[in-house]
Amino acid sequence: MKRKIAKVFLWISLLPYALLIFNSVGAAINGYSLMFSEKTYGFEAFFDSLVLAGYLMIVGAPILPICFIYQMVYLFIVFKDKD
């Protein structure tokens, strides 16, 4: 039972990464503009959105580091138990 709950939390911890990519793809298609700059499209908008949202998810609210630490601990425990 504990292992199933841990696996569900592993999948939940992958959601912020998926949201970050989904947001960046949407910015590439619909355009992205910073405060007073022109709207950009394509790879430039994808990259700008990815960097800014990633920065905010790392520094502003440390969501990505917490998820990454959980994933590493989970994988360490799973591979340790297999031996």
PDB file of N, CA and C in Angstrom:
ATOM      1  N   MET A   1       0.823  -1.195   0.000  1.00  0.00           N
ATOM      2  CA  MET A   1       0.000   0.000   0.000  1.00  0.00           C
ATOM      3  C   MET A   1       0.869   1.262   0.000  1.00  0.00           C
ATOM      4  N   LYS A   2       1.902   1.269   0.843  1.00  0.00           N
ATOM      5  CA  LYS A   2       2.780   2.437   0.899  1.00  0.00           C
ATOM      6  C   LYS A   2       3.479   2.659  -0.432  1.00  0.00           C
ATOM      7  N   ARG A   3       3.829   1.559  -1.097  1.00  0.00           N
ATOM      8  CA  ARG A   3       4.527   1.669  -2.372  1.00  0.00           C
ATOM      9  C   ARG A   3       3.614   2.289  -3.443  1.00  0.00           C
ATOM     10  N   LYS A   4       2.323   1.948  -3.419  1.00  0.00           N
ATOM     11  CA  LYS A   4       1.384   2.518  -4.386  1.00  0.00           C
ATOM     12  C   LYS A   4       1.201   4.015  -4.150  1.00  0.00           C
ATOM     13  N   ILE A   5       1.125   4.407  -2.904  1.00  0.00           N
ATOM     14  CA  ILE A   5       0.985   5.827  -2.576  1.00  0.00           C
ATOM     15  C   ILE A   5       2.226   6.589  -3.013  1.00  0.00           C
ATOM     16  N   ALA A   6       3.394   6.000  -2.776  1.00  0.00           N
ATOM     17  CA  ALA A   6       4.637   6.646  -3.190  1.00  0.00           C
ATOM     18  C   ALA A   6       4.700   6.790  -4.704  1.00  0.00           C
ATOM     19  N   LYS A   7       4.203   5.787  -5.433  1.00  0.00           N
ATOM     20  CA  LYS A   7       4.203   5.858  -6.896  1.00  0.00           C
ATOM     21  C   LYS A   7       3.231   6.935  -7.391  1.00  0.00           C
ATOM     22  N   VAL A   8       2.100   7.080  -6.730  1.00  0.00           N
ATOM     23  CA  VAL A   8       1.154   8.136  -7.097  1.00  0.00           C
ATOM     24  C   VAL A   8       1.791   9.504  -6.871  1.00  0.00           C
ATOM     25  N   PHE A   9       2.494   9.675  -5.765  1.00  0.00           N
ATOM     26  CA  PHE A   9       3.183  10.940  -5.511  1.00  0.00           C
ATOM     27  C   PHE A   9       4.297  11.185  -6.527  1.00  0.00           C
ATOM     28  N   LEU A  10       4.922  10.113  -7.012  1.00  0.00           N
ATOM     29  CA  LEU A  10       5.937  10.272  -8.054  1.00  0.00           C
ATOM     30  C   LEU A  10       5.297  10.851  -9.310  1.00  0.00           C
ATOM     31  N   TRP A  11       4.154  10.312  -9.702  1.00  0.00           N
ATOM     32  CA  TRP A  11       3.471  10.839 -10.884  1.00  0.00           C
ATOM     33  C   TRP A  11       2.987  12.275 -10.662  1.00  0.00           C
ATOM     34  N   ILE A  12       2.539  12.581  -9.467  1.00  0.00           N
ATOM     35  CA  ILE A  12       2.115  13.953  -9.161  1.00  0.00           C
ATOM     36  C   ILE A  12       3.304  14.903  -9.210  1.00  0.00           C
ATOM     37  N   SER A  13       4.481  14.421  -8.788  1.00  0.00           N
ATOM     38  CA  SER A  13       5.660  15.283  -8.802  1.00  0.00           C
ATOM     39  C   SER A  13       6.155  15.558 -10.221  1.00  0.00           C
ATOM     40  N   LEU A  14       5.683  14.814 -11.211  1.00  0.00           N
ATOM     41  CA  LEU A  14       6.046  15.078 -12.598  1.00  0.00           C
ATOM     42  C   LEU A  14       5.141  16.127 -13.253  1.00  0.00           C
ATOM     43  N   LEU A  15       4.022  16.433 -12.633  1.00  0.00           N
ATOM     44  CA  LEU A  15       3.067  17.384 -13.208  1.00  0.00           C
ATOM     45  C   LEU A  15       3.628  18.795 -13.402  1.00  0.00           C
ATOM     46  N   PRO A  16       4.418  19.355 -12.479  1.00  0.00           N
ATOM     47  CA  PRO A  16       4.950  20.707 -12.738  1.00  0.00           C
ATOM     48  C   PRO A  16       5.830  20.780 -13.987  1.00  0.00           C
ATOM     49  N   TYR A  17       6.586  19.720 -14.273  1.00  0.00           N
ATOM     50  CA  TYR A  17       7.404  19.702 -15.485  1.00  0.00           C
ATOM     51  C   TYR A  17       6.517  19.686 -16.723  1.00  0.00           C
ATOM     52  N   ALA A  18       5.458  18.880 -16.686  1.00  0.00           N
ATOM     53  CA  ALA A  18       4.525  18.817 -17.811  1.00  0.00           C
ATOM     54  C   ALA A  18       3.828  20.164 -18.000  1.00  0.00           C
ATOM     55  N   LEU A  19       3.450  20.795 -16.907  1.00  0.00           N
ATOM     56  CA  LEU A  19       2.809  22.108 -16.985  1.00  0.00           C
ATOM     57  C   LEU A  19       3.753  23.140 -17.581  1.00  0.00           C
ATOM     58  N   LEU A  20       5.009  23.081 -17.218  1.00  0.00           N
ATOM     59  CA  LEU A  20       6.008  24.005 -17.739  1.00  0.00           C
ATOM     60  C   LEU A  20       6.159  23.836 -19.251  1.00  0.00           C
ATOM     61  N   ILE A  21       6.241  22.607 -19.717  1.00  0.00           N
ATOM     62  CA  ILE A  21       6.361  22.345 -21.157  1.00  0.00           C
ATOM     63  C   ILE A  21       5.081  22.741 -21.886  1.00  0.00           C
ATOM     64  N   PHE A  22       3.931  22.397 -21.321  1.00  0.00           N
ATOM     65  CA  PHE A  22       2.647  22.737 -21.938  1.00  0.00           C
ATOM     66  C   PHE A  22       2.485  24.248 -22.063  1.00  0.00           C
ATOM     67  N   ASN A  23       2.864  24.977 -21.024  1.00  0.00           N
ATOM     68  CA  ASN A  23       2.798  26.433 -21.043  1.00  0.00           C
ATOM     69  C   ASN A  23       3.724  27.002 -22.113  1.00  0.00           C
ATOM     70  N   SER A  24       4.900  26.453 -22.252  1.00  0.00           N
ATOM     71  CA  SER A  24       5.857  26.950 -23.243  1.00  0.00           C
ATOM     72  C   SER A  24       5.400  26.663 -24.667  1.00  0.00           C
ATOM     73  N   VAL A  25       4.809  25.505 -24.894  1.00  0.00           N
ATOM     74  CA  VAL A  25       4.273  25.188 -26.221  1.00  0.00           C
ATOM     75  C   VAL A  25       3.130  26.139 -26.553  1.00  0.00           C
ATOM     76  N   GLY A  26       2.283  26.421 -25.579  1.00  0.00           N
ATOM     77  CA  GLY A  26       1.204  27.390 -25.792  1.00  0.00           C
ATOM     78  C   GLY A  26       1.731  28.775 -26.102  1.00  0.00           C
ATOM     79  N   ALA A  27       2.816  29.165 -25.460  1.00  0.00           N
ATOM     80  CA  ALA A  27       3.417  30.465 -25.740  1.00  0.00           C
ATOM     81  C   ALA A  27       4.010  30.499 -27.138  1.00  0.00           C
ATOM     82  N   ALA A  28       4.574  29.392 -27.584  1.00  0.00           N
ATOM     83  CA  ALA A  28       5.145  29.343 -28.927  1.00  0.00           C
ATOM     84  C   ALA A  28       4.057  29.465 -29.987  1.00  0.00           C
ATOM     85  N   ILE A  29       2.909  28.891 -29.733  1.00  0.00           N
ATOM     86  CA  ILE A  29       1.820  28.925 -30.715  1.00  0.00           C
ATOM     87  C   ILE A  29       1.083  30.262 -30.678  1.00  0.00           C
ATOM     88  N   ASN A  30       0.742  30.724 -29.479  1.00  0.00           N
ATOM     89  CA  ASN A  30      -0.084  31.924 -29.333  1.00  0.00           C
ATOM     90  C   ASN A  30       0.715  33.207 -29.207  1.00  0.00           C
ATOM     91  N   GLY A  31       1.995  33.113 -28.991  1.00  0.00           N
ATOM     92  CA  GLY A  31       2.833  34.293 -28.828  1.00  0.00           C
ATOM     93  C   GLY A  31       3.094  34.570 -27.368  1.00  0.00           C
ATOM     94  N   TYR A  32       4.195  35.271 -27.121  1.00  0.00           N
ATOM     95  CA  TYR A  32       4.622  35.563 -25.756  1.00  0.00           C
ATOM     96  C   TYR A  32       5.268  36.926 -25.742  1.00  0.00           C
ATOM     97  N   SER A  33       4.909  37.735 -24.784  1.00  0.00           N
ATOM     98  CA  SER A  33       5.543  39.042 -24.671  1.00  0.00           C
ATOM     99  C   SER A  33       5.833  39.336 -23.205  1.00  0.00           C
ATOM    100  N   LEU A  34       6.990  39.916 -22.991  1.00  0.00           N
ATOM    101  CA  LEU A  34       7.323  40.377 -21.653  1.00  0.00           C
ATOM    102  C   LEU A  34       6.653  41.722 -21.447  1.00  0.00           C
ATOM    103  N   MET A  35       6.960  42.399 -20.385  1.00  0.00           N
ATOM    104  CA  MET A  35       6.237  43.607 -19.967  1.00  0.00           C
ATOM    105  C   MET A  35       5.869  44.539 -21.125  1.00  0.00           C
ATOM    106  N   PHE A  36       6.831  45.179 -21.750  1.00  0.00           N
ATOM    107  CA  PHE A  36       6.534  46.177 -22.786  1.00  0.00           C
ATOM    108  C   PHE A  36       7.218  45.843 -24.102  1.00  0.00           C
ATOM    109  N   SER A  37       7.577  44.604 -24.299  1.00  0.00           N
ATOM    110  CA  SER A  37       8.249  44.230 -25.538  1.00  0.00           C
ATOM    111  C   SER A  37       7.238  43.708 -26.554  1.00  0.00           C
ATOM    112  N   GLU A  38       7.724  43.526 -27.782  1.00  0.00           N
ATOM    113  CA  GLU A  38       6.855  43.001 -28.825  1.00  0.00           C
ATOM    114  C   GLU A  38       6.568  41.526 -28.573  1.00  0.00           C
ATOM    115  N   LYS A  39       5.487  41.069 -29.131  1.00  0.00           N
ATOM    116  CA  LYS A  39       5.102  39.666 -28.977  1.00  0.00           C
ATOM    117  C   LYS A  39       5.979  38.810 -29.886  1.00  0.00           C
ATOM    118  N   THR A  40       6.519  37.733 -29.324  1.00  0.00           N
ATOM    119  CA  THR A  40       7.338  36.818 -30.104  1.00  0.00           C
ATOM    120  C   THR A  40       6.591  35.500 -30.276  1.00  0.00           C
ATOM    121  N   TYR A  41       6.981  34.770 -31.305  1.00  0.00           N
ATOM    122  CA  TYR A  41       6.360  33.491 -31.619  1.00  0.00           C
ATOM    123  C   TYR A  41       7.442  32.449 -31.839  1.00  0.00           C
ATOM    124  N   GLY A  42       7.037  31.197 -31.903  1.00  0.00           N
ATOM    125  CA  GLY A  42       7.946  30.124 -32.260  1.00  0.00           C
ATOM    126  C   GLY A  42       8.912  29.752 -31.155  1.00  0.00           C
ATOM    127  N   PHE A  43      10.124  29.366 -31.588  1.00  0.00           N
ATOM    128  CA  PHE A  43      11.116  28.871 -30.634  1.00  0.00           C
ATOM    129  C   PHE A  43      11.530  29.945 -29.643  1.00  0.00           C
ATOM    130  N   GLU A  44      11.612  31.181 -30.089  1.00  0.00           N
ATOM    131  CA  GLU A  44      12.000  32.264 -29.178  1.00  0.00           C
ATOM    132  C   GLU A  44      10.980  32.430 -28.053  1.00  0.00           C
ATOM    133  N   ALA A  45       9.710  32.377 -28.381  1.00  0.00           N
ATOM    134  CA  ALA A  45       8.665  32.471 -27.360  1.00  0.00           C
ATOM    135  C   ALA A  45       8.682  31.243 -26.454  1.00  0.00           C
ATOM    136  N   PHE A  46       8.908  30.062 -27.044  1.00  0.00           N
ATOM    137  CA  PHE A  46       8.998  28.832 -26.261  1.00  0.00           C
ATOM    138  C   PHE A  46      10.122  28.944 -25.237  1.00  0.00           C
ATOM    139  N   PHE A  47      11.296  29.349 -25.701  1.00  0.00           N
ATOM    140  CA  PHE A  47      12.454  29.436 -24.826  1.00  0.00           C
ATOM    141  C   PHE A  47      12.275  30.516 -23.755  1.00  0.00           C
ATOM    142  N   ASP A  48      11.777  31.691 -24.140  1.00  0.00           N
ATOM    143  CA  ASP A  48      11.554  32.770 -23.161  1.00  0.00           C
ATOM    144  C   ASP A  48      10.576  32.335 -22.075  1.00  0.00           C
ATOM    145  N   SER A  49       9.486  31.718 -22.488  1.00  0.00           N
ATOM    146  CA  SER A  49       8.485  31.254 -21.527  1.00  0.00           C
ATOM    147  C   SER A  49       9.038  30.154 -20.633  1.00  0.00           C
ATOM    148  N   LEU A  50       9.797  29.242 -21.213  1.00  0.00           N
ATOM    149  CA  LEU A  50      10.385  28.143 -20.450  1.00  0.00           C
ATOM    150  C   LEU A  50      11.358  28.666 -19.398  1.00  0.00           C
ATOM    151  N   VAL A  51      12.199  29.603 -19.791  1.00  0.00           N
ATOM    152  CA  VAL A  51      13.193  30.144 -18.859  1.00  0.00           C
ATOM    153  C   VAL A  51      12.523  30.943 -17.751  1.00  0.00           C
ATOM    154  N   LEU A  52      11.604  31.817 -18.107  1.00  0.00           N
ATOM    155  CA  LEU A  52      10.965  32.658 -17.090  1.00  0.00           C
ATOM    156  C   LEU A  52      10.101  31.830 -16.134  1.00  0.00           C
ATOM    157  N   ALA A  53       9.277  30.958 -16.660  1.00  0.00           N
ATOM    158  CA  ALA A  53       8.427  30.134 -15.797  1.00  0.00           C
ATOM    159  C   ALA A  53       9.275  29.164 -14.980  1.00  0.00           C
ATOM    160  N   GLY A  54      10.329  28.618 -15.587  1.00  0.00           N
ATOM    161  CA  GLY A  54      11.239  27.741 -14.845  1.00  0.00           C
ATOM    162  C   GLY A  54      11.928  28.477 -13.714  1.00  0.00           C
ATOM    163  N   TYR A  55      12.369  29.688 -13.984  1.00  0.00           N
ATOM    164  CA  TYR A  55      12.997  30.506 -12.946  1.00  0.00           C
ATOM    165  C   TYR A  55      12.026  30.763 -11.795  1.00  0.00           C
ATOM    166  N   LEU A  56      10.794  31.088 -12.138  1.00  0.00           N
ATOM    167  CA  LEU A  56       9.795  31.351 -11.098  1.00  0.00           C
ATOM    168  C   LEU A  56       9.457  30.095 -10.304  1.00  0.00           C
ATOM    169  N   MET A  57       9.507  28.926 -10.958  1.00  0.00           N
ATOM    170  CA  MET A  57       9.209  27.677 -10.257  1.00  0.00           C
ATOM    171  C   MET A  57      10.407  27.150  -9.463  1.00  0.00           C
ATOM    172  N   ILE A  58      11.574  27.737  -9.689  1.00  0.00           N
ATOM    173  CA  ILE A  58      12.757  27.353  -8.917  1.00  0.00           C
ATOM    174  C   ILE A  58      13.034  28.347  -7.810  1.00  0.00           C
ATOM    175  N   VAL A  59      13.019  29.629  -8.134  1.00  0.00           N
ATOM    176  CA  VAL A  59      13.393  30.660  -7.167  1.00  0.00           C
ATOM    177  C   VAL A  59      12.175  31.245  -6.463  1.00  0.00           C
ATOM    178  N   GLY A  60      11.143  31.586  -7.218  1.00  0.00           N
ATOM    179  CA  GLY A  60       9.969  32.233  -6.636  1.00  0.00           C
ATOM    180  C   GLY A  60       9.247  31.344  -5.651  1.00  0.00           C
ATOM    181  N   ALA A  61       8.895  30.174  -6.103  1.00  0.00           N
ATOM    182  CA  ALA A  61       8.277  29.158  -5.252  1.00  0.00           C
ATOM    183  C   ALA A  61       8.997  27.861  -5.593  1.00  0.00           C
ATOM    184  N   PRO A  62       9.812  27.341  -4.707  1.00  0.00           N
ATOM    185  CA  PRO A  62      10.691  26.212  -5.066  1.00  0.00           C
ATOM    186  C   PRO A  62       9.952  24.890  -5.295  1.00  0.00           C
ATOM    187  N   ILE A  63       9.122  24.877  -6.311  1.00  0.00           N
ATOM    188  CA  ILE A  63       8.336  23.691  -6.634  1.00  0.00           C
ATOM    189  C   ILE A  63       9.212  22.631  -7.306  1.00  0.00           C
ATOM    190  N   LEU A  64       9.966  23.041  -8.324  1.00  0.00           N
ATOM    191  CA  LEU A  64      10.769  22.082  -9.078  1.00  0.00           C
ATOM    192  C   LEU A  64      11.863  21.423  -8.232  1.00  0.00           C
ATOM    193  N   PRO A  65      12.584  22.159  -7.383  1.00  0.00           N
ATOM    194  CA  PRO A  65      13.587  21.466  -6.564  1.00  0.00           C
ATOM    195  C   PRO A  65      12.981  20.448  -5.591  1.00  0.00           C
ATOM    196  N   ILE A  66      11.835  20.773  -5.033  1.00  0.00           N
ATOM    197  CA  ILE A  66      11.179  19.839  -4.110  1.00  0.00           C
ATOM    198  C   ILE A  66      10.751  18.580  -4.862  1.00  0.00           C
ATOM    199  N   CYS A  67      10.170  18.753  -6.038  1.00  0.00           N
ATOM    200  CA  CYS A  67       9.757  17.593  -6.843  1.00  0.00           C
ATOM    201  C   CYS A  67      10.967  16.768  -7.254  1.00  0.00           C
ATOM    202  N   PHE A  68      12.049  17.432  -7.647  1.00  0.00           N
ATOM    203  CA  PHE A  68      13.251  16.724  -8.067  1.00  0.00           C
ATOM    204  C   PHE A  68      13.851  15.918  -6.918  1.00  0.00           C
ATOM    205  N   ILE A  69      13.895  16.496  -5.741  1.00  0.00           N
ATOM    206  CA  ILE A  69      14.430  15.788  -4.570  1.00  0.00           C
ATOM    207  C   ILE A  69      13.567  14.563  -4.267  1.00  0.00           C
ATOM    208  N   TYR A  70      12.242  14.720  -4.315  1.00  0.00           N
ATOM    209  CA  TYR A  70      11.363  13.575  -4.075  1.00  0.00           C
ATOM    210  C   TYR A  70      11.608  12.473  -5.101  1.00  0.00           C
ATOM    211  N   GLN A  71      11.754  12.839  -6.366  1.00  0.00           N
ATOM    212  CA  GLN A  71      11.971  11.844  -7.409  1.00  0.00           C
ATOM    213  C   GLN A  71      13.283  11.096  -7.191  1.00  0.00           C
ATOM    214  N   MET A  72      14.333  11.805  -6.820  1.00  0.00           N
ATOM    215  CA  MET A  72      15.625  11.160  -6.582  1.00  0.00           C
ATOM    216  C   MET A  72      15.559  10.211  -5.381  1.00  0.00           C
ATOM    217  N   VAL A  73      14.905  10.646  -4.312  1.00  0.00           N
ATOM    218  CA  VAL A  73      14.762   9.786  -3.133  1.00  0.00           C
ATOM    219  C   VAL A  73      13.940   8.552  -3.479  1.00  0.00           C
ATOM    220  N   TYR A  74      12.859   8.730  -4.208  1.00  0.00           N
ATOM    221  CA  TYR A  74      12.012   7.600  -4.606  1.00  0.00           C
ATOM    222  C   TYR A  74      12.811   6.603  -5.445  1.00  0.00           C
ATOM    223  N   LEU A  75      13.522   7.099  -6.449  1.00  0.00           N
ATOM    224  CA  LEU A  75      14.294   6.204  -7.302  1.00  0.00           C
ATOM    225  C   LEU A  75      15.411   5.515  -6.531  1.00  0.00           C
ATOM    226  N   PHE A  76      16.040   6.219  -5.613  1.00  0.00           N
ATOM    227  CA  PHE A  76      17.085   5.609  -4.794  1.00  0.00           C
ATOM    228  C   PHE A  76      16.519   4.469  -3.959  1.00  0.00           C
ATOM    229  N   ILE A  77      15.376   4.686  -3.347  1.00  0.00           N
ATOM    230  CA  ILE A  77      14.765   3.658  -2.507  1.00  0.00           C
ATOM    231  C   ILE A  77      14.308   2.461  -3.347  1.00  0.00           C
ATOM    232  N   VAL A  78      13.714   2.722  -4.506  1.00  0.00           N
ATOM    233  CA  VAL A  78      13.234   1.638  -5.370  1.00  0.00           C
ATOM    234  C   VAL A  78      14.397   0.793  -5.866  1.00  0.00           C
ATOM    235  N   PHE A  79      15.478   1.429  -6.316  1.00  0.00           N
ATOM    236  CA  PHE A  79      16.616   0.656  -6.827  1.00  0.00           C
ATOM    237  C   PHE A  79      17.390  -0.027  -5.697  1.00  0.00           C
ATOM    238  N   LYS A  80      17.364   0.562  -4.514  1.00  0.00           N
ATOM    239  CA  LYS A  80      18.030  -0.066  -3.374  1.00  0.00           C
ATOM    240  C   LYS A  80      17.272  -1.333  -2.957  1.00  0.00           C
ATOM    241  N   ASP A  81      15.940  -1.288  -3.007  1.00  0.00           N
ATOM    242  CA  ASP A  81      15.127  -2.437  -2.617  1.00  0.00           C
ATOM    243  C   ASP A  81      15.196  -3.585  -3.640  1.00  0.00           C
ATOM    244  N   LYS A  82      15.531  -3.298  -4.890  1.00  0.00           N
ATOM    245  CA  LYS A  82      15.585  -4.346  -5.905  1.00  0.00           C
ATOM    246  C   LYS A  82      16.791  -5.256  -5.719  1.00  0.00           C
ATOM    247  N   ASP A  83      17.841  -4.771  -5.094  1.00  0.00           N
ATOM    248  CA  ASP A  83      19.047  -5.604  -4.896  1.00  0.00           C
ATOM    249  C   ASP A  83      18.884  -6.610  -3.811  1.00  0.00           C
TER     250      ASP A  83
END
